[in-house]
Amino acid sequence: MSDDAYSPPDGPLDVLHQDHALLLVDKPAGLLSVPGRGAHLADCLLTRVQRAFPEALLVHRLDRDTSGVMVFALSPHAQRHLGLQFERRHVKKTYVARVWGRVEGKTGRIDLPLIVDWPNRPKQKVDHARGKPALTEWRKVREEGATTRLRLYPRTGRSHQLRVHMLSIGHPILGDPFYATGPAGAATRLMLHSEYLRLRHPDGGHGMSFSAKCPF
């Protein structure tokens, strides 16, 4: 989808959880997490959240075409605390994806370093010499015709990590506008959903889990 074709979905915020420090929402596919360059890309989840919760602060992002659980902080302290959890890889994340082809085996891991593909940015690519370490683990849910449903567990948080890693093993995520071609690219949306997030509450440190039902 090009920037010129940006037409984000309407609809009310889907709030999963709110307390004095945390706000969890279910981001729809097709909506930017933060504003893009230009007035036509100003509509985004952060802007919509801040209309209802002016104190909300960004912690992390999901790609425009990815749906699912996103956390926002409701105080500077919470933002710092959550930011460190993401930076230190203490946040546990689970995604659901439908990929092209029948994936062999029940589980696996993809350990391939990634770097931005500068001539084609924002695309990323595998680069063994200069890439940053990136690790994804996966578990098969079931085969669905010529496709496979997987749960993906990113152990690092590189840009487009899940999308490039699945492409690298020959199973691009369905509907991926950057990395899927032919029948794999024909889906109506990117079949990638942030299903589950586990983190520690900024006040007290107790573990909390949040989930959003997969829409595909």
C-alpha atoms as a PDB file:
ATOM      1  CA  MET A   1       0.000   0.000   0.000  1.00  0.00           C
ATOM      2  CA  SER A   2       1.482   3.347  -0.995  1.00  0.00           C
ATOM      3  CA  ASP A   3       1.323   6.470   1.145  1.00  0.00           C
ATOM      4  CA  ASP A   4      -0.965   8.023  -1.464  1.00  0.00           C
ATOM      5  CA  ALA A   5      -3.483   5.244  -0.845  1.00  0.00           C
ATOM      6  CA  TYR A   6      -3.508   5.677   2.938  1.00  0.00           C
ATOM      7  CA  SER A   7      -7.100   5.263   4.043  1.00  0.00           C
ATOM      8  CA  PRO A   8      -7.087   4.127   7.672  1.00  0.00           C
ATOM      9  CA  PRO A   9     -10.115   2.397   9.156  1.00  0.00           C
ATOM     10  CA  ASP A  10     -12.573   4.382  11.215  1.00  0.00           C
ATOM     11  CA  GLY A  11     -14.073   3.211  14.453  1.00  0.00           C
ATOM     12  CA  PRO A  12     -13.812   3.761  18.186  1.00  0.00           C
ATOM     13  CA  LEU A  13     -10.721   2.907  20.214  1.00  0.00           C
ATOM     14  CA  ASP A  14     -10.739  -0.716  21.333  1.00  0.00           C
ATOM     15  CA  VAL A  15      -9.387  -0.346  24.885  1.00  0.00           C
ATOM     16  CA  LEU A  16      -8.196  -3.635  26.392  1.00  0.00           C
ATOM     17  CA  HIS A  17      -7.028  -2.260  29.756  1.00  0.00           C
ATOM     18  CA  GLN A  18      -6.603   1.065  31.506  1.00  0.00           C
ATOM     19  CA  ASP A  19      -5.235   2.031  34.891  1.00  0.00           C
ATOM     20  CA  HIS A  20      -3.305   5.022  36.249  1.00  0.00           C
ATOM     21  CA  ALA A  21      -0.094   3.993  34.432  1.00  0.00           C
ATOM     22  CA  LEU A  22      -1.019   1.764  31.489  1.00  0.00           C
ATOM     23  CA  LEU A  23      -3.293   1.889  28.486  1.00  0.00           C
ATOM     24  CA  LEU A  24      -3.593  -1.188  26.256  1.00  0.00           C
ATOM     25  CA  VAL A  25      -5.444  -0.966  22.954  1.00  0.00           C
ATOM     26  CA  ASP A  26      -6.138  -3.258  20.002  1.00  0.00           C
ATOM     27  CA  LYS A  27      -4.698  -1.504  16.934  1.00  0.00           C
ATOM     28  CA  PRO A  28      -6.577  -2.122  13.682  1.00  0.00           C
ATOM     29  CA  ALA A  29      -4.695  -3.118  10.553  1.00  0.00           C
ATOM     30  CA  GLY A  30      -4.103  -0.253   8.137  1.00  0.00           C
ATOM     31  CA  LEU A  31      -3.602   2.440  10.792  1.00  0.00           C
ATOM     32  CA  LEU A  32      -0.177   3.973  11.424  1.00  0.00           C
ATOM     33  CA  SER A  33       1.118   3.775  14.992  1.00  0.00           C
ATOM     34  CA  VAL A  34       2.610   7.288  14.765  1.00  0.00           C
ATOM     35  CA  PRO A  35       2.209  10.105  12.233  1.00  0.00           C
ATOM     36  CA  GLY A  36       3.951   9.757   8.897  1.00  0.00           C
ATOM     37  CA  ARG A  37       5.522  12.554   6.881  1.00  0.00           C
ATOM     38  CA  GLY A  38       2.911  14.905   5.474  1.00  0.00           C
ATOM     39  CA  ALA A  39      -0.559  15.997   6.529  1.00  0.00           C
ATOM     40  CA  HIS A  40      -2.156  13.063   4.690  1.00  0.00           C
ATOM     41  CA  LEU A  41      -0.393  10.683   7.098  1.00  0.00           C
ATOM     42  CA  ALA A  42      -1.297  12.564  10.283  1.00  0.00           C
ATOM     43  CA  ASP A  43      -4.065  10.182  11.356  1.00  0.00           C
ATOM     44  CA  CYS A  44      -2.568   7.459  13.539  1.00  0.00           C
ATOM     45  CA  LEU A  45      -3.215   5.430  16.657  1.00  0.00           C
ATOM     46  CA  LEU A  46      -1.130   7.755  18.857  1.00  0.00           C
ATOM     47  CA  THR A  47      -3.181  10.778  17.767  1.00  0.00           C
ATOM     48  CA  ARG A  48      -6.456   8.954  18.332  1.00  0.00           C
ATOM     49  CA  VAL A  49      -5.336   7.716  21.745  1.00  0.00           C
ATOM     50  CA  GLN A  50      -4.223  11.195  22.814  1.00  0.00           C
ATOM     51  CA  ARG A  51      -7.608  12.652  21.913  1.00  0.00           C
ATOM     52  CA  ALA A  52      -9.144  10.450  24.588  1.00  0.00           C
ATOM     53  CA  PHE A  53      -6.114  10.258  26.889  1.00  0.00           C
ATOM     54  CA  PRO A  54      -4.077  13.485  26.454  1.00  0.00           C
ATOM     55  CA  GLU A  55      -1.396  12.242  28.852  1.00  0.00           C
ATOM     56  CA  ALA A  56      -0.693   9.099  26.790  1.00  0.00           C
ATOM     57  CA  LEU A  57       2.926   8.553  25.718  1.00  0.00           C
ATOM     58  CA  LEU A  58       4.375   6.249  23.063  1.00  0.00           C
ATOM     59  CA  VAL A  59       6.262   3.139  24.185  1.00  0.00           C
ATOM     60  CA  HIS A  60       6.609   0.990  21.039  1.00  0.00           C
ATOM     61  CA  ARG A  61       5.154   0.636  17.552  1.00  0.00           C
ATOM     62  CA  LEU A  62       3.457  -1.859  15.296  1.00  0.00           C
ATOM     63  CA  ASP A  63       3.737  -1.710  11.515  1.00  0.00           C
ATOM     64  CA  ARG A  64       0.823   0.025   9.806  1.00  0.00           C
ATOM     65  CA  ASP A  65      -0.541  -3.211   8.375  1.00  0.00           C
ATOM     66  CA  THR A  66      -0.165  -5.217  11.603  1.00  0.00           C
ATOM     67  CA  SER A  67      -3.053  -5.390  14.056  1.00  0.00           C
ATOM     68  CA  GLY A  68      -3.176  -6.198  17.738  1.00  0.00           C
ATOM     69  CA  VAL A  69      -2.036  -5.324  21.232  1.00  0.00           C
ATOM     70  CA  MET A  70      -0.191  -2.043  21.794  1.00  0.00           C
ATOM     71  CA  VAL A  71       0.715  -0.487  25.138  1.00  0.00           C
ATOM     72  CA  PHE A  72       0.885   3.233  25.906  1.00  0.00           C
ATOM     73  CA  ALA A  73       2.181   4.846  29.091  1.00  0.00           C
ATOM     74  CA  LEU A  74       0.071   7.319  31.038  1.00  0.00           C
ATOM     75  CA  SER A  75       2.969   8.984  32.855  1.00  0.00           C
ATOM     76  CA  PRO A  76       6.641   9.758  32.120  1.00  0.00           C
ATOM     77  CA  HIS A  77       7.653   7.277  34.833  1.00  0.00           C
ATOM     78  CA  ALA A  78       5.613   4.526  33.206  1.00  0.00           C
ATOM     79  CA  GLN A  79       7.082   5.386  29.790  1.00  0.00           C
ATOM     80  CA  ARG A  80      10.650   5.062  31.106  1.00  0.00           C
ATOM     81  CA  HIS A  81       9.882   1.819  32.914  1.00  0.00           C
ATOM     82  CA  LEU A  82       8.163   0.219  29.925  1.00  0.00           C
ATOM     83  CA  GLY A  83      10.820   1.492  27.522  1.00  0.00           C
ATOM     84  CA  LEU A  84      13.509  -0.279  29.526  1.00  0.00           C
ATOM     85  CA  GLN A  85      11.481  -3.493  29.530  1.00  0.00           C
ATOM     86  CA  PHE A  86      11.311  -3.430  25.728  1.00  0.00           C
ATOM     87  CA  GLU A  87      14.980  -2.447  25.418  1.00  0.00           C
ATOM     88  CA  ARG A  88      16.090  -5.273  27.726  1.00  0.00           C
ATOM     89  CA  ARG A  89      13.777  -7.770  25.976  1.00  0.00           C
ATOM     90  CA  HIS A  90      11.790  -8.456  29.145  1.00  0.00           C
ATOM     91  CA  VAL A  91       8.458  -8.034  27.352  1.00  0.00           C
ATOM     92  CA  LYS A  92       7.064 -11.319  26.038  1.00  0.00           C
ATOM     93  CA  LYS A  93       5.302 -11.023  22.671  1.00  0.00           C
ATOM     94  CA  THR A  94       3.282 -13.508  20.655  1.00  0.00           C
ATOM     95  CA  TYR A  95       2.016 -12.947  17.121  1.00  0.00           C
ATOM     96  CA  VAL A  96      -0.324 -14.940  14.914  1.00  0.00           C
ATOM     97  CA  ALA A  97       0.545 -15.143  11.227  1.00  0.00           C
ATOM     98  CA  ARG A  98      -0.766 -16.916   8.168  1.00  0.00           C
ATOM     99  CA  VAL A  99       2.056 -17.663   5.775  1.00  0.00           C
ATOM    100  CA  TRP A 100       2.279 -18.968   2.238  1.00  0.00           C
ATOM    101  CA  GLY A 101       3.022 -22.658   1.795  1.00  0.00           C
ATOM    102  CA  ARG A 102       3.048 -25.613   4.125  1.00  0.00           C
ATOM    103  CA  VAL A 103       5.669 -25.160   6.809  1.00  0.00           C
ATOM    104  CA  GLU A 104       7.512 -28.364   7.685  1.00  0.00           C
ATOM    105  CA  GLY A 105       7.964 -29.330  11.312  1.00  0.00           C
ATOM    106  CA  LYS A 106       6.138 -28.270  14.462  1.00  0.00           C
ATOM    107  CA  THR A 107       8.551 -25.651  15.811  1.00  0.00           C
ATOM    108  CA  GLY A 108      11.619 -23.777  14.660  1.00  0.00           C
ATOM    109  CA  ARG A 109      13.867 -20.785  15.088  1.00  0.00           C
ATOM    110  CA  ILE A 110      15.187 -18.244  12.617  1.00  0.00           C
ATOM    111  CA  ASP A 111      18.463 -16.598  13.627  1.00  0.00           C
ATOM    112  CA  LEU A 112      19.327 -14.172  10.814  1.00  0.00           C
ATOM    113  CA  PRO A 113      20.775 -10.645  11.200  1.00  0.00           C
ATOM    114  CA  LEU A 114      18.830  -7.790   9.629  1.00  0.00           C
ATOM    115  CA  ILE A 115      19.665  -4.372   8.191  1.00  0.00           C
ATOM    116  CA  VAL A 116      17.705  -1.696   6.353  1.00  0.00           C
ATOM    117  CA  ASP A 117      17.671  -2.133   2.568  1.00  0.00           C
ATOM    118  CA  TRP A 118      18.621   1.503   1.895  1.00  0.00           C
ATOM    119  CA  PRO A 119      17.735   1.737  -1.821  1.00  0.00           C
ATOM    120  CA  ASN A 120      14.346   0.189  -1.042  1.00  0.00           C
ATOM    121  CA  ARG A 121      13.630   1.505   2.457  1.00  0.00           C
ATOM    122  CA  PRO A 122      11.649   0.985   4.602  1.00  0.00           C
ATOM    123  CA  LYS A 123      12.274  -2.604   3.499  1.00  0.00           C
ATOM    124  CA  GLN A 124      14.771  -4.638   5.500  1.00  0.00           C
ATOM    125  CA  LYS A 125      17.003  -7.525   4.435  1.00  0.00           C
ATOM    126  CA  VAL A 126      19.230 -10.267   5.799  1.00  0.00           C
ATOM    127  CA  ASP A 127      22.876  -9.193   5.969  1.00  0.00           C
ATOM    128  CA  HIS A 128      25.329 -11.559   7.652  1.00  0.00           C
ATOM    129  CA  ALA A 129      28.185  -9.046   7.549  1.00  0.00           C
ATOM    130  CA  ARG A 130      26.519  -5.850   8.797  1.00  0.00           C
ATOM    131  CA  GLY A 131      23.066  -6.823  10.098  1.00  0.00           C
ATOM    132  CA  LYS A 132      21.944  -6.587  13.717  1.00  0.00           C
ATOM    133  CA  PRO A 133      21.163  -9.856  15.498  1.00  0.00           C
ATOM    134  CA  ALA A 134      17.549 -10.965  15.104  1.00  0.00           C
ATOM    135  CA  LEU A 135      15.918 -14.111  16.474  1.00  0.00           C
ATOM    136  CA  THR A 136      12.403 -15.432  15.890  1.00  0.00           C
ATOM    137  CA  GLU A 137      10.944 -18.680  17.204  1.00  0.00           C
ATOM    138  CA  TRP A 138       7.804 -20.210  15.716  1.00  0.00           C
ATOM    139  CA  ARG A 139       5.242 -22.901  16.423  1.00  0.00           C
ATOM    140  CA  LYS A 140       2.822 -24.376  13.890  1.00  0.00           C
ATOM    141  CA  VAL A 141      -0.866 -24.060  14.722  1.00  0.00           C
ATOM    142  CA  ARG A 142      -2.313 -25.801  11.668  1.00  0.00           C
ATOM    143  CA  GLU A 143      -2.199 -26.013   7.903  1.00  0.00           C
ATOM    144  CA  GLU A 144      -4.985 -24.187   6.058  1.00  0.00           C
ATOM    145  CA  GLY A 145      -5.071 -25.307   2.434  1.00  0.00           C
ATOM    146  CA  ALA A 146      -1.931 -24.004   0.738  1.00  0.00           C
ATOM    147  CA  THR A 147      -1.065 -21.873   3.764  1.00  0.00           C
ATOM    148  CA  THR A 148       0.031 -22.384   7.375  1.00  0.00           C
ATOM    149  CA  ARG A 149      -1.058 -20.632  10.551  1.00  0.00           C
ATOM    150  CA  LEU A 150       1.805 -20.014  12.969  1.00  0.00           C
ATOM    151  CA  ARG A 151       2.478 -18.414  16.305  1.00  0.00           C
ATOM    152  CA  LEU A 152       5.606 -16.296  16.169  1.00  0.00           C
ATOM    153  CA  TYR A 153       7.733 -15.348  19.158  1.00  0.00           C
ATOM    154  CA  PRO A 154      10.183 -12.523  18.403  1.00  0.00           C
ATOM    155  CA  ARG A 155      13.106 -12.605  20.827  1.00  0.00           C
ATOM    156  CA  THR A 156      14.474  -9.368  19.379  1.00  0.00           C
ATOM    157  CA  GLY A 157      12.583  -6.336  18.082  1.00  0.00           C
ATOM    158  CA  ARG A 158      14.039  -5.426  14.692  1.00  0.00           C
ATOM    159  CA  SER A 159      11.998  -3.521  12.147  1.00  0.00           C
ATOM    160  CA  HIS A 160       9.996  -5.896   9.895  1.00  0.00           C
ATOM    161  CA  GLN A 161      11.697  -8.800  11.705  1.00  0.00           C
ATOM    162  CA  LEU A 162       8.858 -11.317  11.474  1.00  0.00           C
ATOM    163  CA  ARG A 163       8.074 -10.365   7.897  1.00  0.00           C
ATOM    164  CA  VAL A 164      11.661 -10.728   6.630  1.00  0.00           C
ATOM    165  CA  HIS A 165      12.368 -13.843   8.666  1.00  0.00           C
ATOM    166  CA  MET A 166       9.329 -15.649   7.277  1.00  0.00           C
ATOM    167  CA  LEU A 167      10.281 -14.578   3.743  1.00  0.00           C
ATOM    168  CA  SER A 168      13.816 -15.852   4.328  1.00  0.00           C
ATOM    169  CA  ILE A 169      12.595 -19.418   4.921  1.00  0.00           C
ATOM    170  CA  GLY A 170      10.342 -19.320   1.877  1.00  0.00           C
ATOM    171  CA  HIS A 171       7.048 -18.644   3.645  1.00  0.00           C
ATOM    172  CA  PRO A 172       6.141 -14.943   3.290  1.00  0.00           C
ATOM    173  CA  ILE A 173       3.258 -13.662   5.401  1.00  0.00           C
ATOM    174  CA  LEU A 174       0.068 -13.478   3.350  1.00  0.00           C
ATOM    175  CA  GLY A 175      -0.887 -10.026   2.112  1.00  0.00           C
ATOM    176  CA  ASP A 176       2.508  -8.467   2.845  1.00  0.00           C
ATOM    177  CA  PRO A 177       2.756  -5.408   0.564  1.00  0.00           C
ATOM    178  CA  PHE A 178       6.568  -5.379   0.765  1.00  0.00           C
ATOM    179  CA  TYR A 179       7.649  -8.993   0.811  1.00  0.00           C
ATOM    180  CA  ALA A 180       4.876 -11.186  -0.641  1.00  0.00           C
ATOM    181  CA  THR A 181       4.322 -11.642  -4.372  1.00  0.00           C
ATOM    182  CA  GLY A 182       1.897 -13.576  -6.551  1.00  0.00           C
ATOM    183  CA  PRO A 183      -0.807 -15.562  -4.726  1.00  0.00           C
ATOM    184  CA  ALA A 184       0.872 -14.881  -1.358  1.00  0.00           C
ATOM    185  CA  GLY A 185       0.371 -11.149  -1.831  1.00  0.00           C
ATOM    186  CA  ALA A 186      -3.276 -11.377  -2.862  1.00  0.00           C
ATOM    187  CA  ALA A 187      -4.782 -11.360   0.654  1.00  0.00           C
ATOM    188  CA  THR A 188      -6.902  -8.377   1.627  1.00  0.00           C
ATOM    189  CA  ARG A 189      -4.563  -7.474   4.508  1.00  0.00           C
ATOM    190  CA  LEU A 190      -1.236  -8.410   6.069  1.00  0.00           C
ATOM    191  CA  MET A 191      -2.009 -11.582   7.988  1.00  0.00           C
ATOM    192  CA  LEU A 192       0.018 -10.622  11.049  1.00  0.00           C
ATOM    193  CA  HIS A 193      -1.539  -9.905  14.452  1.00  0.00           C
ATOM    194  CA  SER A 194      -0.001  -9.028  17.815  1.00  0.00           C
ATOM    195  CA  GLU A 195      -2.004 -11.475  19.913  1.00  0.00           C
ATOM    196  CA  TYR A 196      -0.354 -11.384  23.335  1.00  0.00           C
ATOM    197  CA  LEU A 197       1.863  -9.119  25.425  1.00  0.00           C
ATOM    198  CA  ARG A 198       3.267  -9.839  28.870  1.00  0.00           C
ATOM    199  CA  LEU A 199       5.013  -7.101  30.850  1.00  0.00           C
ATOM    200  CA  ARG A 200       5.642  -5.855  34.361  1.00  0.00           C
ATOM    201  CA  HIS A 201       3.527  -3.058  35.769  1.00  0.00           C
ATOM    202  CA  PRO A 202       5.557   0.164  36.207  1.00  0.00           C
ATOM    203  CA  ASP A 203       4.302   0.474  39.795  1.00  0.00           C
ATOM    204  CA  GLY A 204       5.155  -2.591  41.805  1.00  0.00           C
ATOM    205  CA  GLY A 205       6.577  -4.726  39.010  1.00  0.00           C
ATOM    206  CA  HIS A 206       3.918  -7.435  39.052  1.00  0.00           C
ATOM    207  CA  GLY A 207       3.467  -9.346  35.824  1.00  0.00           C
ATOM    208  CA  MET A 208       0.453  -8.618  33.641  1.00  0.00           C
ATOM    209  CA  SER A 209      -0.727 -10.264  30.421  1.00  0.00           C
ATOM    210  CA  PHE A 210      -2.936  -8.818  27.707  1.00  0.00           C
ATOM    211  CA  SER A 211      -4.380 -10.358  24.573  1.00  0.00           C
ATOM    212  CA  ALA A 212      -6.465  -9.399  21.539  1.00  0.00           C
ATOM    213  CA  LYS A 213      -8.385 -11.954  19.501  1.00  0.00           C
ATOM    214  CA  CYS A 214      -6.962 -12.596  16.052  1.00  0.00           C
ATOM    215  CA  PRO A 215      -9.343 -11.173  13.402  1.00  0.00           C
ATOM    216  CA  PHE A 216      -8.388 -13.582  10.606  1.00  0.00           C
END
